Amino acid sequence: MSGFDAIDSLLAAVGPEAELPAPGVRQELRERARLSKAQVARALGVSPSTVTAWEGGRDPAGEIRSKYAYLLDGLAAKLAAETEPETAPASGPETAPAAGPAAPAAGTPVADAPSQVPVEPAAPGESAGPTQGGEGDDEVEVLAVPEPCVLCGHPARHRVEGFAQHLAPADCRPQAPAALTTASPVKPAATPMQPQTAQSAQAVQSAARPARTTRPAERPKGPARRAFQEPSGPVDLIGQAVQAALAEHHGDVDAATAALLKRAIPDAMRLLDETRKGARYDIVAHPWIPDILRKQTSRGPDQVWEARPKWTRYDLPPGRHEVTALDINGAYLSALKTHLPLGQLEHSAGLPHDRRRAGIHLITPPPWEHEDVLPNPIGQRDEPGPLWVTEPTLRLLLRLSGPKYGLCAPPEIHESYTSGATENLLEKFRIALKDARDTAIAENDEVTLEYVKAMYSKFVSTMGESNYNRELYRPDWMHIIRSQAFSNLWLKALKAHDEGLAVVRAMGTDELHVIGDWHRVFPEGRGVTEVKVKDTYTAGTDADDTTGEERE
């Protein structure tokens, strides 16, 4: 390239950024063209989660922005060309078409046509439809006053998992251009009953922006359905990545492992996209979040308390004791099964806890009177008064205050930021990682084992305010998953206590120290349902104090 060519190329790059349509129009163009997010992502060299973020209001930059704008302009032009022959010429807005069924007169209600949006199959572990049942099932609530459906916007009389929606697909009527949803090949004239339909058709036919720009704050707050997903197949992404790394580094285990650890975050996001294909709910990757979830300073924390255990029991039974430090396997991996909010968090105050929703809550925790034998469920906290906790912490307190345990009073809930939730949102992702981990342990494959550990641990740690993962910004999920790991450890301490073991220490997510025959309580091994011995030491009145700060 000559010097002048390089300068021309540089000047071209400095030009104005390509204009993008509003987020709602981006999604509408893709869905009208019957393109999945995966197809668009492959064409642009990004992940489907990135496409979700763009359709939710986030804008790309640089060369990828120009490519995305080129795709959207091409879709708009193609769809406009396809709909023009179906629109009969008219001298006025109320002129009837020359052929075909008569167009309705202005002001006449137009019958809604059945929706042509396909209903995707439910993923394993997720309910195939609304049911009445246990905590993990969808629960249907009959509404006294109809609310707008999160899928089509028309009034619905039922609420599923906290979101108003139609139960029957035929009742759900997306507001799409009439040329795609009516049985007649002729587009009816616009009527006062169809303002949004007319605007959508006009926007696509003219390949221009709609007169009213849709802001992200005005978009529905419920989860988007993955209506145009490609079917997923049994793709071993983890095994393929490991084999490719070993081949690239000529069998050098250390070099292959180091390369895999560097790409653990994007590979985890790719695996997440693969396991979410065909799922009932889409992942809202970049929702609005309250200030409570934002860092107060550049390096400081936000206002959410994760209830991290840091407890040591100093008043041991008389005598000398052998203490076993148990290591809980795959703590964060197991914590991926937790109640996660699907969409944007909504504020409420003075309402009782709704088990169909999840989020963060401002509570006054109850007094804990069992500090001598069990750690406080909210962890070591120096300041009294209300604090913001996550869903797992609140559910643990409510469980311990119930008639089965009666260990404390119920917490007082002051405010909440919640959304409709499901416990199975990351279940296929978790199972894929767990299966790969189990296989690696059985085959003594340390490369895959370290790779999988990095995938789920970095996935959790970078979904908040992190520069290493721009595809998923859910600090609420990060806090909830970590709190679930702490809650799981606390419940293991309670199980040990109920089985007659003396609990000596609980630390972080994966460390539990006990006195007694722990083999009859916990199975030993490397599986996620098993524990392994981390250390053994002696403690008690006849031994040195080995349970103090020097062991931390």
Protein backbone atom coordinates (compact mmCIF):
# COMPACT_ATOMS: atom_id res chain seq x y z
CA MET A 1 0.00 0.00 0.00
CA SER A 2 1.43 3.40 -0.99
CA GLY A 3 1.64 6.31 1.39
CA PHE A 4 -1.34 8.01 -0.23
CA ASP A 5 -3.43 4.82 -0.06
CA ALA A 6 -2.65 4.53 3.63
CA ILE A 7 -3.71 8.14 4.17
CA ASP A 8 -6.94 7.58 2.21
CA SER A 9 -7.68 4.51 4.32
CA LEU A 10 -7.01 6.47 7.49
CA LEU A 11 -9.26 9.34 6.39
CA ALA A 12 -12.03 6.88 5.54
CA ALA A 13 -11.83 5.42 9.03
CA VAL A 14 -12.22 8.89 10.58
CA GLY A 15 -15.52 9.49 8.82
CA PRO A 16 -18.88 9.70 10.63
CA GLU A 17 -20.20 6.53 12.26
CA ALA A 18 -22.87 4.60 10.41
CA GLU A 19 -26.38 5.45 11.56
CA LEU A 20 -28.29 2.64 13.26
CA PRO A 21 -32.06 2.32 13.62
CA ALA A 22 -33.71 2.25 17.02
CA PRO A 23 -33.24 -0.99 19.05
CA GLY A 24 -36.84 -2.07 18.51
CA VAL A 25 -36.49 -1.69 14.74
CA ARG A 26 -33.27 -3.74 14.73
CA GLN A 27 -35.04 -6.70 16.32
CA GLU A 28 -38.12 -6.25 14.10
CA LEU A 29 -36.06 -6.33 10.90
CA ARG A 30 -34.21 -9.48 11.96
CA GLU A 31 -37.36 -11.32 13.01
CA ARG A 32 -39.30 -10.32 9.87
CA ALA A 33 -36.44 -11.74 7.81
CA ARG A 34 -36.71 -14.98 9.80
CA LEU A 35 -33.08 -14.71 10.92
CA SER A 36 -31.92 -16.05 14.27
CA LYS A 37 -29.49 -14.20 16.49
CA ALA A 38 -27.00 -17.00 15.92
CA GLN A 39 -27.13 -16.44 12.14
CA VAL A 40 -26.56 -12.70 12.50
CA ALA A 41 -23.79 -13.31 15.03
CA ARG A 42 -21.94 -15.70 12.72
CA ALA A 43 -22.14 -13.25 9.82
CA LEU A 44 -20.71 -10.42 11.90
CA GLY A 45 -18.17 -12.47 13.84
CA VAL A 46 -19.70 -11.90 17.28
CA SER A 47 -21.70 -13.98 19.77
CA PRO A 48 -25.52 -14.15 19.94
CA SER A 49 -25.36 -12.44 23.34
CA THR A 50 -23.77 -9.43 21.65
CA VAL A 51 -26.63 -9.28 19.15
CA THR A 52 -29.05 -9.41 22.09
CA ALA A 53 -27.25 -6.43 23.63
CA TRP A 54 -27.46 -4.45 20.39
CA GLU A 55 -31.19 -5.09 20.14
CA GLY A 56 -31.55 -4.03 23.76
CA GLY A 57 -30.04 -0.59 23.20
CA ARG A 58 -26.26 -1.04 23.20
CA ASP A 59 -24.49 0.28 20.07
CA PRO A 60 -21.43 -1.30 18.44
CA ALA A 61 -18.50 0.84 17.35
CA GLY A 62 -15.88 0.92 14.63
CA GLU A 63 -15.91 -1.46 11.70
CA ILE A 64 -18.43 -3.83 13.28
CA ARG A 65 -20.90 -0.92 13.54
CA SER A 66 -20.60 -0.27 9.80
CA LYS A 67 -21.18 -3.96 9.05
CA TYR A 68 -24.22 -4.10 11.35
CA ALA A 69 -25.70 -0.94 9.80
CA TYR A 70 -25.08 -2.38 6.32
CA LEU A 71 -26.95 -5.56 7.28
CA LEU A 72 -29.92 -3.68 8.74
CA ASP A 73 -30.17 -1.33 5.75
CA GLY A 74 -30.09 -4.32 3.44
CA LEU A 75 -32.83 -6.08 5.38
CA ALA A 76 -34.99 -2.94 5.34
CA ALA A 77 -34.57 -2.53 1.59
CA LYS A 78 -35.27 -6.20 0.87
CA LEU A 79 -38.37 -6.32 3.05
CA ALA A 80 -39.65 -3.07 1.54
CA ALA A 81 -39.24 -4.52 -1.97
CA GLU A 82 -41.15 -7.65 -0.96
CA THR A 83 -44.10 -5.71 0.48
CA GLU A 84 -44.47 -3.09 -2.29
CA PRO A 85 -46.25 -5.42 -4.80
CA GLU A 86 -48.75 -6.34 -2.11
CA THR A 87 -49.75 -2.71 -1.56
CA ALA A 88 -52.31 -1.53 -4.08
CA PRO A 89 -52.03 2.08 -5.36
CA ALA A 90 -54.56 4.37 -3.80
CA SER A 91 -55.53 8.00 -4.32
CA GLY A 92 -56.32 8.52 -0.65
CA PRO A 93 -56.00 6.84 2.70
CA GLU A 94 -59.51 5.38 2.52
CA THR A 95 -59.50 4.21 -1.14
CA ALA A 96 -60.33 0.50 -1.45
CA PRO A 97 -57.92 -1.79 -3.36
CA ALA A 98 -58.81 -2.81 -6.88
CA ALA A 99 -58.83 -6.54 -6.19
CA GLY A 100 -59.12 -8.87 -3.27
CA PRO A 101 -61.30 -8.60 -0.18
CA ALA A 102 -62.70 -5.18 0.59
CA ALA A 103 -60.63 -3.09 2.95
CA PRO A 104 -62.33 -2.06 6.18
CA ALA A 105 -63.54 1.48 6.42
CA ALA A 106 -61.81 3.95 8.66
CA GLY A 107 -62.79 3.48 12.26
CA THR A 108 -63.97 -0.09 11.73
CA PRO A 109 -62.33 -2.60 14.09
CA VAL A 110 -60.10 -5.07 12.29
CA ALA A 111 -60.19 -8.73 13.37
CA ASP A 112 -56.86 -9.90 14.72
CA ALA A 113 -55.22 -12.59 12.63
CA PRO A 114 -53.66 -15.63 14.30
CA SER A 115 -49.98 -15.23 15.13
CA GLN A 116 -47.46 -16.97 12.91
CA VAL A 117 -44.70 -16.83 15.51
CA PRO A 118 -43.56 -20.40 16.18
CA VAL A 119 -43.38 -21.64 19.75
CA GLU A 120 -40.01 -23.12 20.57
CA PRO A 121 -39.70 -26.34 22.59
CA ALA A 122 -38.85 -26.08 26.25
CA ALA A 123 -35.30 -26.89 27.26
CA PRO A 124 -34.59 -29.86 29.54
CA GLY A 125 -35.04 -28.79 33.11
CA GLU A 126 -37.51 -26.04 32.15
CA SER A 127 -41.24 -26.34 32.18
CA ALA A 128 -42.86 -26.81 28.80
CA GLY A 129 -45.82 -24.69 29.84
CA PRO A 130 -47.56 -23.06 32.76
CA THR A 131 -48.28 -25.51 35.54
CA GLN A 132 -49.31 -25.53 39.14
CA GLY A 133 -46.81 -27.17 41.39
CA GLY A 134 -43.67 -26.86 43.42
CA GLU A 135 -41.17 -24.10 43.72
CA GLY A 136 -39.38 -24.95 40.48
CA ASP A 137 -42.56 -25.02 38.34
CA ASP A 138 -44.25 -22.14 36.55
CA GLU A 139 -47.21 -20.86 38.57
CA VAL A 140 -50.24 -19.34 36.86
CA GLU A 141 -51.99 -16.42 38.52
CA VAL A 142 -55.41 -15.27 37.32
CA LEU A 143 -55.52 -11.48 37.10
CA ALA A 144 -58.62 -9.61 38.22
CA VAL A 145 -57.66 -6.72 35.93
CA PRO A 146 -56.00 -7.60 32.59
CA GLU A 147 -52.41 -6.45 32.10
CA PRO A 148 -50.39 -6.01 28.89
CA CYS A 149 -48.83 -9.25 27.67
CA VAL A 150 -45.02 -9.13 27.72
CA LEU A 151 -44.94 -10.87 24.33
CA CYS A 152 -47.54 -8.99 22.28
CA GLY A 153 -48.73 -6.04 24.40
CA HIS A 154 -52.43 -6.98 24.25
CA PRO A 155 -54.42 -7.44 27.50
CA ALA A 156 -53.84 -10.81 29.16
CA ARG A 157 -55.70 -12.33 32.09
CA HIS A 158 -52.94 -14.58 33.43
CA ARG A 159 -49.50 -14.05 34.93
CA VAL A 160 -46.77 -16.71 34.61
CA GLU A 161 -43.59 -16.44 36.70
CA GLY A 162 -44.41 -12.82 37.48
CA PHE A 163 -45.14 -11.75 33.88
CA ALA A 164 -48.55 -11.13 32.32
CA GLN A 165 -48.93 -13.23 29.17
CA HIS A 166 -51.39 -15.27 27.12
CA LEU A 167 -51.51 -18.98 27.85
CA ALA A 168 -52.61 -20.04 24.38
CA PRO A 169 -50.42 -19.17 21.36
CA ALA A 170 -53.53 -18.26 19.35
CA ASP A 171 -54.40 -15.54 21.88
CA CYS A 172 -50.94 -13.92 21.61
CA ARG A 173 -51.10 -11.38 18.77
CA PRO A 174 -47.77 -9.71 18.07
CA GLN A 175 -48.14 -6.27 16.55
CA ALA A 176 -46.42 -7.06 13.27
CA PRO A 177 -47.01 -5.47 9.86
CA ALA A 178 -50.26 -6.68 8.33
CA ALA A 179 -48.49 -7.92 5.20
CA LEU A 180 -46.85 -10.69 7.27
CA THR A 181 -49.74 -11.68 9.52
CA THR A 182 -52.96 -11.41 7.51
CA ALA A 183 -54.25 -14.17 5.31
CA SER A 184 -55.12 -11.75 2.52
CA PRO A 185 -52.38 -10.90 0.00
CA VAL A 186 -53.63 -7.30 0.04
CA LYS A 187 -52.65 -5.02 2.92
CA PRO A 188 -55.73 -3.33 4.44
CA ALA A 189 -55.79 0.42 4.67
CA ALA A 190 -54.59 1.92 7.91
CA THR A 191 -57.24 2.49 10.55
CA PRO A 192 -57.23 4.24 13.91
CA MET A 193 -57.24 0.79 15.52
CA GLN A 194 -53.76 -0.01 14.05
CA PRO A 195 -51.43 2.96 14.66
CA GLN A 196 -48.37 0.87 15.57
CA THR A 197 -48.89 -1.54 12.66
CA ALA A 198 -49.08 1.30 10.17
CA GLN A 199 -45.94 2.91 11.58
CA SER A 200 -44.02 -0.37 11.39
CA ALA A 201 -45.01 -0.99 7.77
CA GLN A 202 -44.19 2.57 6.77
CA ALA A 203 -40.80 2.38 8.47
CA VAL A 204 -39.81 -0.78 6.60
CA GLN A 205 -41.21 0.27 3.22
CA SER A 206 -39.32 3.56 3.21
CA ALA A 207 -36.13 2.01 4.65
CA ALA A 208 -36.09 4.98 7.02
CA ARG A 209 -36.26 5.43 10.75
CA PRO A 210 -39.68 5.47 12.47
CA ALA A 211 -41.09 8.85 13.44
CA ARG A 212 -41.13 7.87 17.11
CA THR A 213 -37.80 6.55 18.38
CA THR A 214 -38.16 3.65 20.80
CA ARG A 215 -35.98 4.26 23.83
CA PRO A 216 -34.64 1.34 25.91
CA ALA A 217 -36.62 2.53 28.92
CA GLU A 218 -39.86 2.12 26.94
CA ARG A 219 -39.16 -1.45 25.88
CA PRO A 220 -41.08 -4.23 27.64
CA LYS A 221 -39.42 -5.20 30.88
CA GLY A 222 -40.25 -8.89 30.57
CA PRO A 223 -38.07 -11.58 28.99
CA ALA A 224 -37.95 -11.88 25.22
CA ARG A 225 -38.97 -15.17 23.67
CA ARG A 226 -36.38 -16.94 21.51
CA ALA A 227 -38.93 -17.51 18.75
CA PHE A 228 -36.47 -17.95 15.89
CA GLN A 229 -33.83 -20.21 17.44
CA GLU A 230 -31.97 -22.75 15.41
CA PRO A 231 -32.19 -26.25 16.88
CA SER A 232 -29.19 -27.14 18.99
CA GLY A 233 -27.23 -30.33 18.56
CA PRO A 234 -24.78 -32.26 20.73
CA VAL A 235 -21.72 -30.06 20.23
CA ASP A 236 -18.73 -30.81 22.49
CA LEU A 237 -17.31 -27.30 22.54
CA ILE A 238 -15.12 -28.00 25.57
CA GLY A 239 -13.56 -31.14 24.11
CA GLN A 240 -13.00 -29.48 20.74
CA ALA A 241 -11.26 -26.49 22.36
CA VAL A 242 -8.96 -28.72 24.41
CA GLN A 243 -7.97 -30.86 21.42
CA ALA A 244 -7.32 -27.79 19.29
CA ALA A 245 -5.13 -26.21 21.98
CA LEU A 246 -3.10 -29.39 22.44
CA ALA A 247 -2.64 -29.71 18.68
CA GLU A 248 -1.61 -26.06 18.34
CA HIS A 249 1.03 -26.41 21.07
CA HIS A 250 2.23 -29.84 19.87
CA GLY A 251 1.07 -31.68 22.99
CA ASP A 252 2.67 -29.26 25.46
CA VAL A 253 0.26 -29.59 28.40
CA ASP A 254 1.41 -26.46 30.22
CA ALA A 255 1.29 -24.26 27.11
CA ALA A 256 -2.13 -25.62 26.09
CA THR A 257 -3.52 -25.07 29.58
CA ALA A 258 -2.22 -21.49 29.70
CA ALA A 259 -3.80 -20.74 26.30
CA LEU A 260 -7.15 -22.22 27.37
CA LEU A 261 -7.21 -20.23 30.60
CA LYS A 262 -6.74 -16.98 28.65
CA ARG A 263 -9.79 -17.70 26.50
CA ALA A 264 -11.95 -19.12 29.30
CA ILE A 265 -14.33 -16.12 29.40
CA PRO A 266 -15.26 -15.91 25.68
CA ASP A 267 -15.42 -19.70 25.51
CA ALA A 268 -17.79 -19.76 28.49
CA MET A 269 -20.04 -17.21 26.77
CA ARG A 270 -20.02 -19.29 23.60
CA LEU A 271 -20.97 -22.39 25.60
CA LEU A 272 -23.74 -20.40 27.31
CA ASP A 273 -25.16 -19.35 23.93
CA GLU A 274 -25.02 -22.94 22.69
CA THR A 275 -26.80 -24.33 25.75
CA ARG A 276 -29.49 -21.62 25.61
CA LYS A 277 -30.63 -22.57 22.09
CA GLY A 278 -34.27 -23.58 22.12
CA ALA A 279 -34.72 -22.39 25.70
CA ARG A 280 -37.97 -20.83 26.76
CA TYR A 281 -36.52 -17.50 27.85
CA ASP A 282 -33.85 -15.30 26.35
CA ILE A 283 -31.10 -13.87 28.53
CA VAL A 284 -31.38 -10.12 29.06
CA ALA A 285 -27.67 -9.38 28.95
CA HIS A 286 -27.59 -5.60 29.56
CA PRO A 287 -30.66 -4.43 31.53
CA TRP A 288 -31.04 -1.24 33.50
CA ILE A 289 -29.83 -1.74 37.06
CA PRO A 290 -30.44 0.35 40.21
CA ASP A 291 -27.69 2.41 41.82
CA ILE A 292 -27.49 -0.12 44.65
CA LEU A 293 -25.74 -2.48 42.23
CA ARG A 294 -23.25 0.14 41.01
CA LYS A 295 -19.85 0.60 42.59
CA GLN A 296 -19.75 3.62 44.87
CA THR A 297 -16.15 4.36 43.84
CA SER A 298 -13.92 3.13 41.00
CA ARG A 299 -12.42 0.44 43.22
CA GLY A 300 -15.03 0.24 45.94
CA PRO A 301 -17.91 -2.24 46.28
CA ASP A 302 -21.58 -1.66 45.65
CA GLN A 303 -24.21 -1.81 48.41
CA VAL A 304 -25.12 -5.52 48.18
CA TRP A 305 -24.17 -7.81 51.08
CA GLU A 306 -23.34 -11.36 49.95
CA ALA A 307 -23.38 -12.99 53.44
CA ARG A 308 -19.90 -14.42 53.06
CA PRO A 309 -19.19 -16.87 55.91
CA LYS A 310 -16.14 -16.11 58.05
CA TRP A 311 -16.80 -17.84 61.32
CA THR A 312 -14.72 -19.71 63.88
CA ARG A 313 -15.99 -21.47 66.96
CA TYR A 314 -13.68 -20.86 69.92
CA ASP A 315 -15.73 -22.51 72.68
CA LEU A 316 -14.97 -26.14 71.82
CA PRO A 317 -16.08 -29.15 73.86
CA PRO A 318 -13.64 -30.05 76.67
CA GLY A 319 -10.65 -32.17 75.73
CA ARG A 320 -8.37 -32.62 72.78
CA HIS A 321 -9.99 -33.07 69.35
CA GLU A 322 -8.95 -33.89 65.83
CA VAL A 323 -10.43 -31.38 63.40
CA THR A 324 -10.88 -32.21 59.73
CA ALA A 325 -10.90 -29.35 57.20
CA LEU A 326 -13.24 -30.41 54.38
CA ASP A 327 -13.05 -28.91 50.90
CA ILE A 328 -16.39 -28.52 49.10
CA ASN A 329 -15.96 -29.38 45.41
CA GLY A 330 -17.24 -27.12 42.64
CA ALA A 331 -18.91 -24.60 44.94
CA TYR A 332 -19.56 -21.98 42.24
CA LEU A 333 -20.52 -24.66 39.73
CA SER A 334 -23.25 -25.95 42.03
CA ALA A 335 -24.37 -22.38 42.78
CA LEU A 336 -25.30 -21.83 39.11
CA LYS A 337 -28.55 -23.56 40.03
CA THR A 338 -30.24 -20.67 41.77
CA HIS A 339 -33.22 -18.36 41.27
CA LEU A 340 -32.10 -15.70 38.78
CA PRO A 341 -34.23 -12.72 37.65
CA LEU A 342 -35.06 -12.98 33.97
CA GLY A 343 -35.53 -9.36 33.02
CA GLN A 344 -35.04 -5.86 34.30
CA LEU A 345 -35.37 -5.40 38.05
CA GLU A 346 -38.50 -3.57 39.22
CA HIS A 347 -38.83 -1.72 42.51
CA SER A 348 -41.43 -2.54 45.16
CA ALA A 349 -41.90 -1.61 48.81
CA GLY A 350 -43.95 -3.03 51.62
CA LEU A 351 -44.79 -6.28 49.81
CA PRO A 352 -44.30 -9.82 51.15
CA HIS A 353 -41.75 -12.09 49.48
CA ASP A 354 -42.94 -13.57 46.19
CA ARG A 355 -41.24 -16.92 45.49
CA ARG A 356 -41.91 -16.54 41.77
CA ARG A 357 -39.61 -13.51 41.65
CA ALA A 358 -35.96 -12.95 42.54
CA GLY A 359 -33.58 -10.07 43.02
CA ILE A 360 -32.14 -8.03 45.88
CA HIS A 361 -33.92 -6.95 49.06
CA LEU A 362 -33.44 -4.37 51.79
CA ILE A 363 -34.08 -6.22 55.05
CA THR A 364 -33.55 -5.95 58.76
CA PRO A 365 -32.07 -9.35 59.65
CA PRO A 366 -33.34 -11.16 62.73
CA PRO A 367 -31.15 -11.65 65.84
CA TRP A 368 -29.05 -14.83 65.73
CA GLU A 369 -28.74 -16.66 69.04
CA HIS A 370 -26.72 -19.70 67.95
CA GLU A 371 -23.31 -18.10 67.32
CA ASP A 372 -21.67 -20.58 69.72
CA VAL A 373 -22.45 -23.61 67.50
CA LEU A 374 -23.42 -22.28 64.04
CA PRO A 375 -22.38 -19.24 61.98
CA ASN A 376 -24.81 -16.38 61.41
CA PRO A 377 -26.59 -16.93 58.06
CA ILE A 378 -25.81 -13.34 57.02
CA GLY A 379 -22.10 -13.74 57.80
CA GLN A 380 -19.89 -11.60 60.00
CA ARG A 381 -21.39 -8.12 60.04
CA ASP A 382 -20.16 -5.37 62.32
CA GLU A 383 -22.85 -2.72 61.73
CA PRO A 384 -26.45 -3.32 62.86
CA GLY A 385 -29.56 -2.21 60.98
CA PRO A 386 -31.00 -2.79 57.50
CA LEU A 387 -28.86 -4.04 54.63
CA TRP A 388 -29.32 -5.12 51.02
CA VAL A 389 -29.13 -8.90 50.58
CA THR A 390 -29.62 -11.25 47.65
CA GLU A 391 -32.33 -13.77 46.94
CA PRO A 392 -30.47 -16.85 48.34
CA THR A 393 -29.75 -15.08 51.64
CA LEU A 394 -33.37 -13.99 52.05
CA ARG A 395 -34.69 -17.45 51.19
CA LEU A 396 -32.28 -19.03 53.68
CA LEU A 397 -33.47 -16.72 56.46
CA LEU A 398 -37.11 -17.38 55.62
CA ARG A 399 -36.43 -21.12 55.61
CA LEU A 400 -34.68 -21.03 58.99
CA SER A 401 -37.51 -18.97 60.48
CA GLY A 402 -40.13 -21.48 59.35
CA PRO A 403 -41.76 -24.19 61.48
CA LYS A 404 -39.29 -26.89 60.36
CA TYR A 405 -36.27 -25.20 61.97
CA GLY A 406 -37.48 -22.26 64.05
CA LEU A 407 -33.92 -20.99 64.51
CA CYS A 408 -34.73 -17.28 64.13
CA ALA A 409 -37.49 -14.78 63.56
CA PRO A 410 -38.47 -13.86 59.97
CA PRO A 411 -36.50 -10.99 58.42
CA GLU A 412 -38.30 -7.68 57.90
CA ILE A 413 -38.44 -6.77 54.19
CA HIS A 414 -38.48 -3.02 53.47
CA GLU A 415 -37.79 -2.72 49.73
CA SER A 416 -37.04 -5.00 46.82
CA TYR A 417 -35.76 -4.89 43.24
CA THR A 418 -37.03 -8.07 41.59
CA SER A 419 -38.09 -9.66 38.33
CA GLY A 420 -39.83 -12.86 37.35
CA ALA A 421 -37.37 -15.68 37.98
CA THR A 422 -36.50 -19.30 37.27
CA GLU A 423 -34.08 -21.68 38.96
CA ASN A 424 -33.23 -23.40 35.69
CA LEU A 425 -31.96 -20.48 33.61
CA LEU A 426 -28.34 -21.75 33.61
CA GLU A 427 -29.12 -25.42 34.16
CA LYS A 428 -27.99 -26.74 30.76
CA PHE A 429 -24.87 -24.59 31.01
CA ARG A 430 -24.15 -26.01 34.47
CA ILE A 431 -24.74 -29.60 33.38
CA ALA A 432 -22.41 -29.21 30.37
CA LEU A 433 -19.63 -27.94 32.64
CA LYS A 434 -20.33 -30.60 35.28
CA ASP A 435 -20.26 -33.44 32.74
CA ALA A 436 -16.98 -32.18 31.29
CA ARG A 437 -15.54 -31.90 34.80
CA ASP A 438 -16.64 -35.42 35.75
CA THR A 439 -15.19 -36.87 32.55
CA ALA A 440 -11.90 -35.03 33.06
CA ILE A 441 -11.60 -36.39 36.61
CA ALA A 442 -12.41 -39.94 35.49
CA GLU A 443 -9.81 -39.75 32.69
CA ASN A 444 -7.23 -37.87 34.79
CA ASP A 445 -7.35 -35.04 32.25
CA GLU A 446 -5.89 -32.08 34.15
CA VAL A 447 -5.96 -29.80 31.09
CA THR A 448 -9.73 -30.05 30.71
CA LEU A 449 -10.25 -29.89 34.47
CA GLU A 450 -8.35 -26.61 34.85
CA TYR A 451 -10.06 -25.21 31.74
CA VAL A 452 -13.55 -26.01 33.06
CA LYS A 453 -12.75 -24.55 36.49
CA ALA A 454 -11.61 -21.33 34.86
CA MET A 455 -14.75 -21.18 32.71
CA TYR A 456 -17.28 -21.26 35.53
CA SER A 457 -15.25 -19.28 38.08
CA LYS A 458 -14.39 -16.48 35.63
CA PHE A 459 -17.93 -16.53 34.24
CA VAL A 460 -19.23 -15.68 37.71
CA SER A 461 -16.56 -13.14 38.59
CA THR A 462 -16.73 -11.13 35.33
CA MET A 463 -20.48 -10.77 34.80
CA GLY A 464 -20.50 -7.61 36.95
CA GLU A 465 -18.60 -4.41 36.21
CA SER A 466 -15.68 -6.04 34.43
CA ASN A 467 -13.58 -5.08 31.41
CA TYR A 468 -13.00 -8.75 30.61
CA ASN A 469 -16.61 -9.62 29.75
CA ARG A 470 -18.57 -7.05 27.75
CA GLU A 471 -21.20 -9.52 26.57
CA LEU A 472 -22.95 -9.95 29.92
CA TYR A 473 -23.54 -7.19 32.45
CA ARG A 474 -25.55 -8.68 35.32
CA PRO A 475 -24.07 -7.68 38.70
CA ASP A 476 -27.29 -8.89 40.29
CA TRP A 477 -26.60 -12.40 38.93
CA MET A 478 -23.01 -12.26 40.15
CA HIS A 479 -24.09 -11.43 43.71
CA ILE A 480 -26.90 -14.01 43.65
CA ILE A 481 -24.67 -16.86 42.42
CA ARG A 482 -21.95 -16.10 44.95
CA SER A 483 -24.50 -15.79 47.74
CA GLN A 484 -25.97 -19.14 46.70
CA ALA A 485 -22.52 -20.70 47.14
CA PHE A 486 -22.30 -19.21 50.64
CA SER A 487 -25.83 -20.42 51.42
CA ASN A 488 -24.92 -23.94 50.22
CA LEU A 489 -21.92 -23.98 52.56
CA TRP A 490 -24.06 -22.80 55.47
CA LEU A 491 -26.58 -25.57 54.84
CA LYS A 492 -23.75 -28.13 54.90
CA ALA A 493 -22.72 -26.73 58.29
CA LEU A 494 -26.31 -27.11 59.50
CA LYS A 495 -26.39 -30.70 58.21
CA ALA A 496 -23.16 -31.52 60.04
CA HIS A 497 -24.53 -29.97 63.24
CA ASP A 498 -27.83 -31.89 62.97
CA GLU A 499 -25.88 -35.14 62.46
CA GLY A 500 -23.94 -34.67 65.69
CA LEU A 501 -20.71 -33.22 64.33
CA ALA A 502 -19.16 -30.19 66.02
CA VAL A 503 -18.73 -27.40 63.48
CA VAL A 504 -15.48 -25.55 64.14
CA ARG A 505 -15.12 -23.25 61.17
CA ALA A 506 -16.92 -22.12 57.98
CA MET A 507 -14.97 -20.01 55.49
CA GLY A 508 -15.84 -18.58 52.08
CA THR A 509 -17.62 -20.96 49.73
CA ASP A 510 -15.76 -24.24 50.11
CA GLU A 511 -14.16 -24.70 53.54
CA LEU A 512 -15.86 -26.46 56.47
CA HIS A 513 -14.02 -27.69 59.58
CA VAL A 514 -15.69 -30.33 61.75
CA ILE A 515 -15.01 -32.64 64.70
CA GLY A 516 -16.34 -36.19 64.49
CA ASP A 517 -16.91 -38.98 61.99
CA TRP A 518 -17.75 -36.88 58.94
CA HIS A 519 -17.75 -39.93 56.59
CA ARG A 520 -21.25 -40.89 57.75
CA VAL A 521 -22.52 -37.40 56.78
CA PHE A 522 -20.63 -36.43 53.61
CA PRO A 523 -19.40 -38.77 50.83
CA GLU A 524 -15.70 -38.45 50.01
CA GLY A 525 -14.53 -37.85 46.45
CA ARG A 526 -13.95 -35.20 43.80
CA GLY A 527 -17.51 -34.94 42.47
CA VAL A 528 -19.61 -31.84 43.02
CA THR A 529 -21.80 -33.75 45.50
CA GLU A 530 -18.76 -34.99 47.43
CA VAL A 531 -16.07 -33.49 49.67
CA LYS A 532 -12.35 -34.09 50.05
CA VAL A 533 -9.99 -33.63 52.99
CA LYS A 534 -8.02 -30.40 52.86
CA ASP A 535 -6.22 -30.65 56.20
CA THR A 536 -6.34 -32.23 59.67
CA TYR A 537 -5.16 -30.70 62.94
CA THR A 538 -5.77 -30.89 66.68
CA ALA A 539 -7.61 -28.35 68.80
CA GLY A 540 -8.99 -28.10 72.30
CA THR A 541 -7.95 -27.32 75.86
CA ASP A 542 -4.92 -29.64 75.71
CA ALA A 543 -3.71 -28.41 72.31
CA ASP A 544 -2.34 -25.21 70.92
CA ASP A 545 -4.97 -22.78 69.68
CA THR A 546 -5.01 -23.67 66.01
CA THR A 547 -8.46 -22.31 65.25
CA GLY A 548 -7.48 -18.64 65.52
CA GLU A 549 -6.41 -16.11 62.95
CA GLU A 550 -3.11 -17.83 62.21
CA ARG A 551 -4.95 -20.49 60.14
CA GLU A 552 -6.72 -17.98 57.86
